[in-house]
Amino acid sequence: MKKIKLNYFVDMIMALSFMIASVSGLIFFPFSDGVRRYISVDFLGIPRNNWKIIHDWSGLILVLTVVLHLILHWKWIVCMTKNFVRRKKKDKC
């Protein structure tokens, strides 16, 4: 797979997992403390326990894709960091 396609695929999976983790996190937010966390909440017909599983897995996928994204862009990150530190000659990244 070409690097451009791999970057696109990783970024799309990262964006999708971010959206899913965010939405599922917002579903839990009002019920996060005390006894209310034991209330069974069905949202979009999906029980709370299933939302927790969705939230956990999407969060894990998000972390893995962020790490992969950083690995794929490591040379660029190093080059840009060097450019910020140097004051004279700038390298093209």
N, C-alpha and C. Protein backbone atom coordinates (compact mmCIF):
# COMPACT_ATOMS: atom_id res chain seq x y z
N MET A 1 0.85 -1.18 0.00
CA MET A 1 0.00 0.00 0.00
C MET A 1 0.90 1.24 0.00
N LYS A 2 0.56 2.19 -0.85
CA LYS A 2 1.34 3.42 -0.90
C LYS A 2 1.17 4.21 0.39
N LYS A 3 2.20 4.99 0.72
CA LYS A 3 2.18 5.73 1.98
C LYS A 3 1.02 6.72 2.04
N ILE A 4 0.68 7.34 0.92
CA ILE A 4 -0.43 8.31 0.91
C ILE A 4 -1.75 7.62 1.25
N LYS A 5 -1.97 6.44 0.65
CA LYS A 5 -3.20 5.70 0.94
C LYS A 5 -3.22 5.20 2.38
N LEU A 6 -2.07 4.76 2.87
CA LEU A 6 -1.98 4.31 4.25
C LEU A 6 -2.27 5.46 5.22
N ASN A 7 -1.69 6.64 4.95
CA ASN A 7 -1.96 7.82 5.78
C ASN A 7 -3.45 8.15 5.78
N TYR A 8 -4.06 8.12 4.61
CA TYR A 8 -5.49 8.42 4.50
C TYR A 8 -6.31 7.42 5.31
N PHE A 9 -6.00 6.13 5.15
CA PHE A 9 -6.73 5.08 5.86
C PHE A 9 -6.58 5.24 7.37
N VAL A 10 -5.36 5.46 7.84
CA VAL A 10 -5.11 5.64 9.28
C VAL A 10 -5.86 6.87 9.80
N ASP A 11 -5.80 7.97 9.05
CA ASP A 11 -6.47 9.20 9.48
C ASP A 11 -7.99 9.04 9.53
N MET A 12 -8.56 8.32 8.57
CA MET A 12 -10.02 8.11 8.57
C MET A 12 -10.44 7.23 9.74
N ILE A 13 -9.70 6.16 10.01
CA ILE A 13 -10.00 5.30 11.16
C ILE A 13 -9.85 6.10 12.45
N MET A 14 -8.82 6.93 12.53
CA MET A 14 -8.59 7.76 13.72
C MET A 14 -9.75 8.74 13.91
N ALA A 15 -10.20 9.39 12.84
CA ALA A 15 -11.30 10.34 12.94
C ALA A 15 -12.60 9.65 13.34
N LEU A 16 -12.88 8.50 12.74
CA LEU A 16 -14.10 7.76 13.06
C LEU A 16 -14.09 7.29 14.52
N SER A 17 -12.97 6.74 14.97
CA SER A 17 -12.90 6.27 16.36
C SER A 17 -12.99 7.44 17.34
N PHE A 18 -12.43 8.61 16.96
CA PHE A 18 -12.56 9.80 17.80
C PHE A 18 -14.03 10.21 17.93
N MET A 19 -14.75 10.22 16.81
CA MET A 19 -16.17 10.61 16.86
C MET A 19 -16.99 9.63 17.70
N ILE A 20 -16.74 8.35 17.53
CA ILE A 20 -17.49 7.34 18.29
C ILE A 20 -17.17 7.45 19.78
N ALA A 21 -15.90 7.59 20.12
CA ALA A 21 -15.51 7.72 21.53
C ALA A 21 -16.08 8.99 22.13
N SER A 22 -16.12 10.07 21.36
CA SER A 22 -16.67 11.34 21.86
C SER A 22 -18.17 11.23 22.11
N VAL A 23 -18.90 10.69 21.16
CA VAL A 23 -20.36 10.57 21.31
C VAL A 23 -20.69 9.63 22.47
N SER A 24 -20.01 8.49 22.54
CA SER A 24 -20.29 7.57 23.64
C SER A 24 -19.88 8.17 24.98
N GLY A 25 -18.83 8.97 25.01
CA GLY A 25 -18.44 9.66 26.24
C GLY A 25 -19.48 10.67 26.67
N LEU A 26 -20.07 11.38 25.70
CA LEU A 26 -21.13 12.34 26.03
C LEU A 26 -22.38 11.65 26.53
N ILE A 27 -22.63 10.44 26.08
CA ILE A 27 -23.78 9.68 26.57
C ILE A 27 -23.58 9.35 28.05
N PHE A 28 -22.34 9.02 28.45
CA PHE A 28 -22.05 8.70 29.85
C PHE A 28 -21.96 9.92 30.74
N PHE A 29 -21.63 11.07 30.20
CA PHE A 29 -21.34 12.26 31.00
C PHE A 29 -22.41 12.60 32.03
N PRO A 30 -23.70 12.68 31.66
CA PRO A 30 -24.70 13.05 32.69
C PRO A 30 -24.89 11.99 33.76
N PHE A 31 -24.44 10.77 33.50
CA PHE A 31 -24.64 9.67 34.43
C PHE A 31 -23.33 9.19 35.03
N SER A 32 -22.38 10.10 35.21
CA SER A 32 -21.04 9.66 35.58
C SER A 32 -20.79 9.53 37.08
N ASP A 33 -21.60 10.14 37.94
CA ASP A 33 -21.25 10.12 39.36
C ASP A 33 -22.32 9.46 40.21
N GLY A 34 -21.88 8.90 41.33
CA GLY A 34 -22.78 8.36 42.33
C GLY A 34 -23.64 7.21 41.83
N VAL A 35 -24.86 7.15 42.36
CA VAL A 35 -25.79 6.08 42.06
C VAL A 35 -26.24 6.13 40.60
N ARG A 36 -26.22 7.33 40.02
CA ARG A 36 -26.73 7.47 38.65
C ARG A 36 -25.96 6.61 37.65
N ARG A 37 -24.73 6.24 37.97
CA ARG A 37 -23.98 5.43 37.01
C ARG A 37 -24.54 4.02 36.88
N TYR A 38 -25.38 3.62 37.84
CA TYR A 38 -25.99 2.29 37.77
C TYR A 38 -27.33 2.31 37.06
N ILE A 39 -27.77 3.48 36.63
CA ILE A 39 -29.03 3.58 35.90
C ILE A 39 -28.82 3.00 34.51
N SER A 40 -29.76 2.17 34.10
CA SER A 40 -29.68 1.61 32.76
C SER A 40 -30.21 2.63 31.77
N VAL A 41 -29.38 3.01 30.83
CA VAL A 41 -29.76 4.00 29.83
C VAL A 41 -29.67 3.36 28.46
N ASP A 42 -30.78 3.42 27.75
CA ASP A 42 -30.78 2.99 26.36
C ASP A 42 -30.75 4.23 25.49
N PHE A 43 -29.75 4.34 24.66
CA PHE A 43 -29.64 5.46 23.73
C PHE A 43 -29.54 4.87 22.34
N LEU A 44 -30.43 5.30 21.47
CA LEU A 44 -30.54 4.76 20.11
C LEU A 44 -30.78 3.25 20.15
N GLY A 45 -31.47 2.79 21.19
CA GLY A 45 -31.79 1.38 21.31
C GLY A 45 -30.63 0.51 21.77
N ILE A 46 -29.53 1.13 22.17
CA ILE A 46 -28.35 0.37 22.61
C ILE A 46 -28.22 0.53 24.12
N PRO A 47 -28.17 -0.59 24.88
CA PRO A 47 -28.05 -0.50 26.34
C PRO A 47 -26.72 0.11 26.78
N ARG A 48 -26.72 0.61 28.02
CA ARG A 48 -25.54 1.29 28.59
C ARG A 48 -24.30 0.40 28.56
N ASN A 49 -24.45 -0.87 28.91
CA ASN A 49 -23.28 -1.77 28.92
C ASN A 49 -22.65 -1.88 27.54
N ASN A 50 -23.49 -1.92 26.51
CA ASN A 50 -22.96 -1.98 25.15
C ASN A 50 -22.27 -0.68 24.76
N TRP A 51 -22.83 0.46 25.25
CA TRP A 51 -22.17 1.75 24.98
C TRP A 51 -20.80 1.79 25.63
N LYS A 52 -20.68 1.18 26.81
CA LYS A 52 -19.37 1.15 27.49
C LYS A 52 -18.37 0.35 26.67
N ILE A 53 -18.81 -0.78 26.13
CA ILE A 53 -17.93 -1.60 25.28
C ILE A 53 -17.53 -0.82 24.03
N ILE A 54 -18.50 -0.17 23.39
CA ILE A 54 -18.23 0.64 22.20
C ILE A 54 -17.23 1.75 22.55
N HIS A 55 -17.45 2.41 23.69
CA HIS A 55 -16.58 3.51 24.11
C HIS A 55 -15.15 3.01 24.37
N ASP A 56 -15.03 1.90 25.07
CA ASP A 56 -13.70 1.35 25.38
C ASP A 56 -12.95 0.94 24.12
N TRP A 57 -13.61 0.23 23.22
CA TRP A 57 -12.94 -0.23 22.00
C TRP A 57 -12.60 0.92 21.07
N SER A 58 -13.51 1.88 20.93
CA SER A 58 -13.20 3.02 20.05
C SER A 58 -12.06 3.85 20.64
N GLY A 59 -11.99 3.96 21.95
CA GLY A 59 -10.87 4.66 22.59
C GLY A 59 -9.55 3.94 22.37
N LEU A 60 -9.57 2.62 22.46
CA LEU A 60 -8.36 1.83 22.21
C LEU A 60 -7.91 1.97 20.75
N ILE A 61 -8.85 1.89 19.83
CA ILE A 61 -8.52 2.06 18.41
C ILE A 61 -7.98 3.46 18.16
N LEU A 62 -8.55 4.46 18.83
CA LEU A 62 -8.06 5.83 18.69
C LEU A 62 -6.60 5.94 19.14
N VAL A 63 -6.28 5.38 20.28
CA VAL A 63 -4.90 5.44 20.79
C VAL A 63 -3.95 4.74 19.83
N LEU A 64 -4.33 3.57 19.34
CA LEU A 64 -3.46 2.83 18.42
C LEU A 64 -3.25 3.58 17.11
N THR A 65 -4.30 4.20 16.58
CA THR A 65 -4.14 4.94 15.32
C THR A 65 -3.35 6.23 15.51
N VAL A 66 -3.46 6.86 16.68
CA VAL A 66 -2.64 8.05 16.95
C VAL A 66 -1.16 7.65 16.99
N VAL A 67 -0.86 6.54 17.64
CA VAL A 67 0.53 6.06 17.69
C VAL A 67 1.03 5.75 16.28
N LEU A 68 0.21 5.06 15.48
CA LEU A 68 0.59 4.76 14.10
C LEU A 68 0.76 6.03 13.28
N HIS A 69 -0.11 7.00 13.49
CA HIS A 69 -0.01 8.30 12.81
C HIS A 69 1.32 8.98 13.14
N LEU A 70 1.69 8.97 14.40
CA LEU A 70 2.97 9.57 14.81
C LEU A 70 4.16 8.83 14.20
N ILE A 71 4.08 7.52 14.14
CA ILE A 71 5.15 6.73 13.52
C ILE A 71 5.28 7.08 12.04
N LEU A 72 4.15 7.17 11.35
CA LEU A 72 4.17 7.47 9.91
C LEU A 72 4.69 8.87 9.61
N HIS A 73 4.54 9.80 10.56
CA HIS A 73 4.95 11.18 10.33
C HIS A 73 6.19 11.57 11.14
N TRP A 74 6.92 10.59 11.66
CA TRP A 74 8.02 10.88 12.58
C TRP A 74 9.11 11.72 11.93
N LYS A 75 9.48 11.42 10.68
CA LYS A 75 10.52 12.21 10.01
C LYS A 75 10.10 13.67 9.89
N TRP A 76 8.86 13.90 9.55
CA TRP A 76 8.35 15.27 9.43
C TRP A 76 8.37 15.98 10.78
N ILE A 77 7.98 15.27 11.83
CA ILE A 77 7.97 15.85 13.18
C ILE A 77 9.38 16.25 13.59
N VAL A 78 10.36 15.37 13.35
CA VAL A 78 11.75 15.67 13.69
C VAL A 78 12.25 16.86 12.88
N CYS A 79 11.96 16.88 11.58
CA CYS A 79 12.41 17.97 10.72
C CYS A 79 11.81 19.30 11.15
N MET A 80 10.53 19.33 11.43
CA MET A 80 9.88 20.58 11.86
C MET A 80 10.42 21.05 13.21
N THR A 81 10.69 20.11 14.11
CA THR A 81 11.25 20.47 15.41
C THR A 81 12.63 21.10 15.24
N LYS A 82 13.44 20.51 14.35
CA LYS A 82 14.76 21.09 14.08
C LYS A 82 14.61 22.49 13.50
N ASN A 83 13.64 22.69 12.61
CA ASN A 83 13.43 24.01 12.01
C ASN A 83 13.02 25.04 13.06
N PHE A 84 12.25 24.66 14.03
CA PHE A 84 11.85 25.59 15.08
C PHE A 84 13.01 25.94 16.00
N VAL A 85 13.90 24.97 16.22
CA VAL A 85 15.03 25.19 17.12
C VAL A 85 16.11 26.03 16.43
N ARG A 86 16.37 25.75 15.17
CA ARG A 86 17.39 26.49 14.42
C ARG A 86 16.88 27.90 14.12
N ARG A 87 17.81 28.81 14.03
CA ARG A 87 17.42 30.19 13.70
C ARG A 87 17.85 30.57 12.29
N LYS A 88 18.82 29.89 11.74
CA LYS A 88 19.36 30.28 10.43
C LYS A 88 18.69 29.50 9.31
N LYS A 89 19.35 28.44 8.87
CA LYS A 89 18.89 27.68 7.72
C LYS A 89 17.72 26.76 8.08
N LYS A 90 16.69 26.81 7.26
CA LYS A 90 15.53 25.95 7.45
C LYS A 90 15.56 24.83 6.41
N ASP A 91 15.32 23.62 6.85
CA ASP A 91 15.23 22.48 5.94
C ASP A 91 13.81 22.36 5.42
N LYS A 92 13.69 21.83 4.20
CA LYS A 92 12.35 21.52 3.68
C LYS A 92 11.93 20.18 4.25
N CYS A 93 10.77 20.15 4.80
CA CYS A 93 10.30 18.90 5.42
C CYS A 93 9.36 18.17 4.49
